[in-house]
Amino acid sequence: LRADLNDFLRLLVLNKKKLSKHYLLYPNPYPKSAHLQRRWYATSALKDMLELGGLLEVRSNWQLYIQEFSAALAIANVSNKIGLFASDQAITPFERKYWQSGQSSWQLLANINP
C-alpha cells in the first residue's frame, strides 16, 4: 500500500481500526532544528499512532531521532525501549544501504495500549 501516512493513519482512526503492529522504518529525520515539527513524534500523527494501538517499531540510523521519539512517547505515558538493532537481513533498501556503509541502526519498540 502506498499512501500519505498522515491521511492513512487518520482514516484508520476515524474508522475505529486497530493495528497489531506498525513500523516507521528510516523516516526522514529532518535534522535541522527549524524542521522539528516535521518529525513524526512532533506531529498530530503521533496521536493517531497511539490511538491505533499495537506494537510500534521505529528504526533509524540517527540515534538522536530514536531518543527524541522515546522522550515523546514517555510524555504520552507510553513505555518503550531503545537500543541498537542488528539482523542478518535488511528489510528495506535504506537499511541495506546504511549497513553497507558501516552505519548502525537504532530501534525503538513500544507496546501501545490505547
C-alpha atoms as a PDB file:
ATOM      1  CA  LEU A   1       0.000   0.000   0.000  1.00  0.00           C
ATOM      2  CA  ARG A   2       1.336   3.412  -0.929  1.00  0.00           C
ATOM      3  CA  ALA A   3      -0.421   6.319   0.775  1.00  0.00           C
ATOM      4  CA  ASP A   4       0.183   9.563   2.608  1.00  0.00           C
ATOM      5  CA  LEU A   5       0.784   8.287   6.131  1.00  0.00           C
ATOM      6  CA  ASN A   6      -0.856  11.278   7.826  1.00  0.00           C
ATOM      7  CA  ASP A   7      -4.081  10.727   5.883  1.00  0.00           C
ATOM      8  CA  PHE A   8      -3.951   6.954   6.151  1.00  0.00           C
ATOM      9  CA  LEU A   9      -3.500   6.952   9.934  1.00  0.00           C
ATOM     10  CA  ARG A  10      -6.326   9.469  10.333  1.00  0.00           C
ATOM     11  CA  LEU A  11      -8.649   7.323   8.187  1.00  0.00           C
ATOM     12  CA  LEU A  12      -7.825   4.233  10.229  1.00  0.00           C
ATOM     13  CA  VAL A  13      -8.645   6.077  13.449  1.00  0.00           C
ATOM     14  CA  LEU A  14     -11.858   7.544  12.026  1.00  0.00           C
ATOM     15  CA  ASN A  15     -12.930   4.031  11.039  1.00  0.00           C
ATOM     16  CA  LYS A  16     -12.087   2.706  14.515  1.00  0.00           C
ATOM     17  CA  LYS A  17      -9.404   0.315  13.268  1.00  0.00           C
ATOM     18  CA  LYS A  18      -6.658  -1.094  15.476  1.00  0.00           C
ATOM     19  CA  LEU A  19      -3.221  -2.308  14.457  1.00  0.00           C
ATOM     20  CA  SER A  20      -1.329  -5.244  15.896  1.00  0.00           C
ATOM     21  CA  LYS A  21       1.990  -3.806  14.676  1.00  0.00           C
ATOM     22  CA  HIS A  22       3.172  -0.791  12.777  1.00  0.00           C
ATOM     23  CA  TYR A  23       6.574   0.320  11.594  1.00  0.00           C
ATOM     24  CA  LEU A  24       8.304   3.595  10.885  1.00  0.00           C
ATOM     25  CA  LEU A  25      11.419   2.499   9.081  1.00  0.00           C
ATOM     26  CA  TYR A  26      14.110   5.079   8.425  1.00  0.00           C
ATOM     27  CA  PRO A  27      11.822   8.089   8.260  1.00  0.00           C
ATOM     28  CA  ASN A  28      13.251  11.385   7.142  1.00  0.00           C
ATOM     29  CA  PRO A  29      14.585  12.757  10.454  1.00  0.00           C
ATOM     30  CA  TYR A  30      14.536  16.416   9.333  1.00  0.00           C
ATOM     31  CA  PRO A  31      17.807  17.101  11.160  1.00  0.00           C
ATOM     32  CA  LYS A  32      17.539  20.912  11.106  1.00  0.00           C
ATOM     33  CA  SER A  33      16.074  22.173  14.381  1.00  0.00           C
ATOM     34  CA  ALA A  34      13.823  24.526  12.401  1.00  0.00           C
ATOM     35  CA  HIS A  35      12.095  21.441  10.983  1.00  0.00           C
ATOM     36  CA  LEU A  36      11.427  19.738  14.316  1.00  0.00           C
ATOM     37  CA  GLN A  37       7.652  19.949  13.794  1.00  0.00           C
ATOM     38  CA  ARG A  38       8.012  17.695  10.714  1.00  0.00           C
ATOM     39  CA  ARG A  39       9.339  14.740  12.708  1.00  0.00           C
ATOM     40  CA  TRP A  40       6.694  12.034  13.219  1.00  0.00           C
ATOM     41  CA  TYR A  41       6.747  12.260  17.009  1.00  0.00           C
ATOM     42  CA  ALA A  42       6.164  16.043  16.805  1.00  0.00           C
ATOM     43  CA  THR A  43       3.115  15.886  14.524  1.00  0.00           C
ATOM     44  CA  SER A  44      -0.548  15.082  15.044  1.00  0.00           C
ATOM     45  CA  ALA A  45       0.209  11.679  13.510  1.00  0.00           C
ATOM     46  CA  LEU A  46       1.637  10.575  16.871  1.00  0.00           C
ATOM     47  CA  LYS A  47      -1.810  10.909  18.439  1.00  0.00           C
ATOM     48  CA  ASP A  48      -3.220   8.685  15.698  1.00  0.00           C
ATOM     49  CA  MET A  49      -0.437   6.115  16.145  1.00  0.00           C
ATOM     50  CA  LEU A  50      -1.238   5.947  19.856  1.00  0.00           C
ATOM     51  CA  GLU A  51      -4.951   5.576  19.139  1.00  0.00           C
ATOM     52  CA  LEU A  52      -4.279   2.647  16.771  1.00  0.00           C
ATOM     53  CA  GLY A  53      -2.507   0.667  19.487  1.00  0.00           C
ATOM     54  CA  GLY A  54      -0.360  -2.375  18.882  1.00  0.00           C
ATOM     55  CA  LEU A  55       3.390  -2.703  18.781  1.00  0.00           C
ATOM     56  CA  LEU A  56       5.158   0.317  17.322  1.00  0.00           C
ATOM     57  CA  GLU A  57       8.624  -0.269  15.891  1.00  0.00           C
ATOM     58  CA  VAL A  58      10.751   2.654  14.749  1.00  0.00           C
ATOM     59  CA  ARG A  59      14.190   2.230  13.195  1.00  0.00           C
ATOM     60  CA  SER A  60      16.650   4.918  12.227  1.00  0.00           C
ATOM     61  CA  ASN A  61      20.331   5.342  11.585  1.00  0.00           C
ATOM     62  CA  TRP A  62      20.127   8.554  13.636  1.00  0.00           C
ATOM     63  CA  GLN A  63      20.337   7.793  17.367  1.00  0.00           C
ATOM     64  CA  LEU A  64      19.072  11.224  18.417  1.00  0.00           C
ATOM     65  CA  TYR A  65      15.859  10.718  16.416  1.00  0.00           C
ATOM     66  CA  ILE A  66      15.161   7.494  18.321  1.00  0.00           C
ATOM     67  CA  GLN A  67      15.957   9.138  21.662  1.00  0.00           C
ATOM     68  CA  GLU A  68      13.641  12.055  20.911  1.00  0.00           C
ATOM     69  CA  PHE A  69      10.874   9.690  19.783  1.00  0.00           C
ATOM     70  CA  SER A  70      11.314   7.795  23.050  1.00  0.00           C
ATOM     71  CA  ALA A  71      11.001  11.030  25.041  1.00  0.00           C
ATOM     72  CA  ALA A  72       7.811  11.977  23.165  1.00  0.00           C
ATOM     73  CA  LEU A  73       6.295   8.579  23.976  1.00  0.00           C
ATOM     74  CA  ALA A  74       7.316   8.932  27.624  1.00  0.00           C
ATOM     75  CA  ILE A  75       5.480  12.284  27.769  1.00  0.00           C
ATOM     76  CA  ALA A  76       2.423  10.403  26.445  1.00  0.00           C
ATOM     77  CA  ASN A  77       2.936   7.795  29.221  1.00  0.00           C
ATOM     78  CA  VAL A  78       3.903   5.073  26.754  1.00  0.00           C
ATOM     79  CA  SER A  79       6.775   2.939  27.971  1.00  0.00           C
ATOM     80  CA  ASN A  80       9.283   1.970  25.339  1.00  0.00           C
ATOM     81  CA  LYS A  81      12.777   0.672  24.933  1.00  0.00           C
ATOM     82  CA  ILE A  82      15.527   1.707  22.598  1.00  0.00           C
ATOM     83  CA  GLY A  83      18.759   0.106  21.530  1.00  0.00           C
ATOM     84  CA  LEU A  84      20.966  -0.859  18.651  1.00  0.00           C
ATOM     85  CA  PHE A  85      19.358  -3.098  16.056  1.00  0.00           C
ATOM     86  CA  ALA A  86      21.138  -5.761  14.061  1.00  0.00           C
ATOM     87  CA  SER A  87      19.891  -8.518  11.796  1.00  0.00           C
ATOM     88  CA  ASP A  88      21.187 -10.836   9.105  1.00  0.00           C
ATOM     89  CA  GLN A  89      18.689  -9.437   6.615  1.00  0.00           C
ATOM     90  CA  ALA A  90      17.748  -5.848   5.865  1.00  0.00           C
ATOM     91  CA  ILE A  91      14.050  -5.323   5.245  1.00  0.00           C
ATOM     92  CA  THR A  92      14.332  -2.031   3.369  1.00  0.00           C
ATOM     93  CA  PRO A  93      16.750  -0.679   0.775  1.00  0.00           C
ATOM     94  CA  PHE A  94      17.652   2.159   3.165  1.00  0.00           C
ATOM     95  CA  GLU A  95      18.522  -0.313   5.888  1.00  0.00           C
ATOM     96  CA  ARG A  96      20.754  -2.256   3.494  1.00  0.00           C
ATOM     97  CA  LYS A  97      22.416   0.958   2.297  1.00  0.00           C
ATOM     98  CA  TYR A  98      23.136   2.167   5.833  1.00  0.00           C
ATOM     99  CA  TRP A  99      24.580  -1.173   6.902  1.00  0.00           C
ATOM    100  CA  GLN A 100      26.736  -1.454   3.791  1.00  0.00           C
ATOM    101  CA  SER A 101      28.187   1.976   4.547  1.00  0.00           C
ATOM    102  CA  GLY A 102      29.023   0.900   8.116  1.00  0.00           C
ATOM    103  CA  GLN A 103      26.246   2.827   9.882  1.00  0.00           C
ATOM    104  CA  SER A 104      24.358   1.405  12.838  1.00  0.00           C
ATOM    105  CA  SER A 105      20.612   1.059  13.102  1.00  0.00           C
ATOM    106  CA  TRP A 106      18.746   2.160  16.208  1.00  0.00           C
ATOM    107  CA  GLN A 107      15.405   0.713  17.211  1.00  0.00           C
ATOM    108  CA  LEU A 108      12.533   1.819  19.397  1.00  0.00           C
ATOM    109  CA  LEU A 109       9.855  -0.634  20.497  1.00  0.00           C
ATOM    110  CA  ALA A 110       6.671   0.453  22.244  1.00  0.00           C
ATOM    111  CA  ASN A 111       3.644  -1.637  23.125  1.00  0.00           C
ATOM    112  CA  ILE A 112       0.799   0.835  22.803  1.00  0.00           C
ATOM    113  CA  ASN A 113      -2.384   0.045  24.685  1.00  0.00           C
ATOM    114  CA  PRO A 114      -4.964   2.719  23.880  1.00  0.00           C
END
